[in-house]
């Protein structure tokens, strides 16, 4: 009854086995498409993250952080001048 991994009735494959085989093939195709799409999404997310990091790095280039500014001002004897509040 089973021949080369297939159930056979004479020279015919039973209808149920044909339907199951088609369904299984469709499942494999869908699983493959999902895997490819997930890999593509992962790559694009990594690229987006890298771009954001690059933009953040370029935005902070040339800027001193506040501790560096305070140290620099203290060394030169300068202090930041605050605008006076307008009195009413």
Protein backbone atom coordinates (compact mmCIF):
# COMPACT_ATOMS: atom_id res chain seq x y z
CA UNK A 1 0.00 0.00 0.00
CA UNK A 2 2.90 2.44 0.70
CA UNK A 3 5.36 2.90 -2.16
CA UNK A 4 8.33 5.39 -2.19
CA UNK A 5 6.92 7.31 0.79
CA UNK A 6 3.49 7.65 -0.79
CA UNK A 7 0.35 5.74 -0.11
CA UNK A 8 -0.83 4.19 -3.33
CA UNK A 9 -3.97 2.45 -4.32
CA UNK A 10 -2.92 0.66 -7.44
CA UNK A 11 -1.20 3.37 -9.48
CA UNK A 12 -3.26 6.19 -7.95
CA UNK A 13 -2.48 8.48 -5.02
CA UNK A 14 -5.49 8.84 -2.69
CA UNK A 15 -7.25 12.24 -2.83
CA UNK A 16 -6.57 12.97 0.81
CA UNK A 17 -2.83 12.52 0.42
CA UNK A 18 -2.76 14.82 -2.61
CA UNK A 19 -4.60 17.54 -0.68
CA UNK A 20 -2.31 17.15 2.32
CA UNK A 21 0.78 17.28 0.10
CA UNK A 22 -0.42 20.48 -1.59
CA UNK A 23 -1.24 22.06 1.79
CA UNK A 24 2.18 21.11 3.16
CA UNK A 25 3.91 22.59 0.09
CA UNK A 26 1.94 25.82 0.56
CA UNK A 27 2.95 25.93 4.24
CA UNK A 28 6.62 25.56 3.30
CA UNK A 29 6.28 28.39 0.76
CA UNK A 30 4.62 30.68 3.30
CA UNK A 31 7.22 29.85 5.96
CA UNK A 32 10.00 30.67 3.50
CA UNK A 33 8.40 33.98 2.53
CA UNK A 34 7.97 34.93 6.20
CA UNK A 35 11.59 34.08 6.96
CA UNK A 36 12.85 36.19 4.04
CA UNK A 37 10.62 39.10 5.04
CA UNK A 38 11.74 38.87 8.69
CA UNK A 39 15.41 38.92 7.61
CA UNK A 40 14.76 41.96 5.38
CA UNK A 41 12.99 43.77 8.21
CA UNK A 42 15.83 42.98 10.60
CA UNK A 43 18.38 44.38 8.14
CA UNK A 44 16.37 47.56 7.55
CA UNK A 45 15.91 48.07 11.32
CA UNK A 46 19.67 47.75 11.81
CA UNK A 47 20.29 50.25 9.01
CA UNK A 48 17.75 52.68 10.52
CA UNK A 49 19.42 52.36 13.92
CA UNK A 50 22.84 52.99 12.39
CA UNK A 51 21.53 56.09 10.60
CA UNK A 52 20.02 57.43 13.85
CA UNK A 53 23.30 56.79 15.68
CA UNK A 54 25.23 58.57 12.92
CA UNK A 55 22.87 61.57 13.08
CA UNK A 56 23.14 61.70 16.87
CA UNK A 57 26.93 61.54 16.67
CA UNK A 58 27.11 64.32 14.08
CA UNK A 59 24.72 66.48 16.13
CA UNK A 60 26.97 66.28 19.18
CA UNK A 61 30.24 66.77 17.29
CA UNK A 62 31.77 70.12 18.12
CA UNK A 63 29.61 70.64 21.20
CA UNK A 64 31.11 70.72 24.66
CA UNK A 65 29.18 69.09 27.43
CA UNK A 66 28.27 71.30 30.40
CA UNK A 67 31.01 69.94 32.66
CA UNK A 68 33.63 70.85 30.04
CA UNK A 69 32.14 74.33 29.71
CA UNK A 70 32.13 74.88 33.47
CA UNK A 71 35.74 73.73 33.74
CA UNK A 72 36.74 75.97 30.86
CA UNK A 73 34.95 78.97 32.40
CA UNK A 74 36.46 78.35 35.82
CA UNK A 75 39.95 78.16 34.38
CA UNK A 76 39.61 81.45 32.54
CA UNK A 77 37.78 83.21 35.36
CA UNK A 78 34.71 83.73 33.25
CA UNK A 79 31.19 83.10 34.35
CA UNK A 80 28.04 82.87 32.38
CA UNK A 81 26.07 86.10 32.50
CA UNK A 82 22.38 85.56 33.13
CA UNK A 83 19.96 88.14 31.75
CA UNK A 84 18.38 90.21 34.46
CA UNK A 85 14.71 89.68 35.16
CA UNK A 86 12.54 92.64 34.22
CA UNK A 87 10.88 94.02 37.30
CA UNK A 88 7.31 95.11 36.98
